[in-house]
């Protein structure tokens, strides 16, 4: 038996489908940039746990070599957190 990661998450009025890269609020798509979506997935997958900055950056940026500036991190986090 293989262990497949969870692909559907429900929280409040939101549904997050990681396989389809889709976030729905009350059944309507919520537009997110790819990095904002990856940030949301990383945070949702670690729900209930403190996520250190380095862990989050590794999950979102992965093996990218370029440096992500703190201002870019803030903008990405604001897009994820902004209520629609």
Protein backbone atom coordinates (compact mmCIF):
# COMPACT_ATOMS: atom_id res chain seq x y z
CA UNK A 1 0.00 0.00 0.00
CA UNK A 2 1.43 3.39 -0.98
CA UNK A 3 1.12 6.48 1.16
CA UNK A 4 -0.35 9.27 -0.93
CA UNK A 5 -0.37 12.80 0.45
CA UNK A 6 -3.75 14.31 1.16
CA UNK A 7 -4.93 16.35 -1.78
CA UNK A 8 -8.15 17.93 -0.48
CA UNK A 9 -8.39 20.22 2.53
CA UNK A 10 -11.43 22.00 3.90
CA UNK A 11 -11.21 24.94 6.29
CA UNK A 12 -14.04 27.36 6.91
CA UNK A 13 -15.61 28.34 3.57
CA UNK A 14 -12.49 27.17 1.68
CA UNK A 15 -11.65 24.00 -0.25
CA UNK A 16 -8.04 23.48 -1.28
CA UNK A 17 -7.31 20.90 -3.99
CA UNK A 18 -3.55 20.45 -4.22
CA UNK A 19 -3.69 18.11 -7.23
CA UNK A 20 -5.70 20.60 -9.29
CA UNK A 21 -3.92 23.62 -7.77
CA UNK A 22 -7.28 25.15 -6.97
CA UNK A 23 -8.59 27.15 -4.02
CA UNK A 24 -12.34 27.62 -3.75
CA UNK A 25 -14.24 29.89 -1.40
CA UNK A 26 -17.94 29.14 -1.17
CA UNK A 27 -17.53 27.15 -4.40
CA UNK A 28 -15.93 30.00 -6.35
CA UNK A 29 -12.28 29.98 -7.49
CA UNK A 30 -9.89 32.24 -5.60
CA UNK A 31 -7.10 33.52 -7.86
CA UNK A 32 -3.62 33.00 -6.40
CA UNK A 33 -0.17 33.29 -7.89
CA UNK A 34 1.75 30.00 -8.02
CA UNK A 35 3.99 31.04 -5.10
CA UNK A 36 1.01 32.16 -3.01
CA UNK A 37 -0.66 28.81 -3.70
CA UNK A 38 2.50 26.90 -2.72
CA UNK A 39 2.75 28.97 0.47
CA UNK A 40 -0.87 28.19 1.35
CA UNK A 41 -0.36 24.47 0.72
CA UNK A 42 2.77 24.42 2.88
CA UNK A 43 0.94 26.14 5.74
CA UNK A 44 -2.22 24.03 5.45
CA UNK A 45 -0.19 20.80 5.40
CA UNK A 46 1.42 21.92 8.68
CA UNK A 47 -1.81 23.12 10.28
CA UNK A 48 -1.61 23.28 14.05
CA UNK A 49 2.19 23.45 14.07
CA UNK A 50 4.61 26.32 14.23
CA UNK A 51 6.27 26.71 10.83
CA UNK A 52 9.73 28.20 11.00
CA UNK A 53 10.71 30.63 8.24
CA UNK A 54 13.47 28.34 6.94
CA UNK A 55 11.10 25.36 6.78
CA UNK A 56 8.49 27.39 4.92
CA UNK A 57 11.03 28.77 2.49
CA UNK A 58 12.39 25.29 1.79
CA UNK A 59 8.86 24.01 1.15
CA UNK A 60 7.92 26.89 -1.13
CA UNK A 61 11.16 27.76 -2.86
CA UNK A 62 12.58 24.24 -2.76
CA UNK A 63 15.80 23.88 -4.65
CA UNK A 64 15.65 27.32 -6.25
CA UNK A 65 18.97 29.07 -5.87
CA UNK A 66 17.69 32.63 -5.98
CA UNK A 67 17.19 34.52 -2.78
CA UNK A 68 13.65 35.50 -1.82
CA UNK A 69 13.58 38.96 -0.31
CA UNK A 70 11.60 39.58 2.90
CA UNK A 71 9.35 42.03 1.04
CA UNK A 72 8.43 39.31 -1.46
CA UNK A 73 7.65 36.95 1.44
CA UNK A 74 5.39 39.56 3.02
CA UNK A 75 3.47 40.17 -0.21
CA UNK A 76 2.98 36.44 -0.72
CA UNK A 77 1.79 35.92 2.86
CA UNK A 78 -0.62 38.88 2.57
CA UNK A 79 -2.18 37.43 -0.60
CA UNK A 80 -2.77 34.11 1.16
CA UNK A 81 -4.15 35.71 4.32
CA UNK A 82 -6.34 38.37 2.67
CA UNK A 83 -10.05 37.54 3.08
CA UNK A 84 -12.03 37.58 -0.12
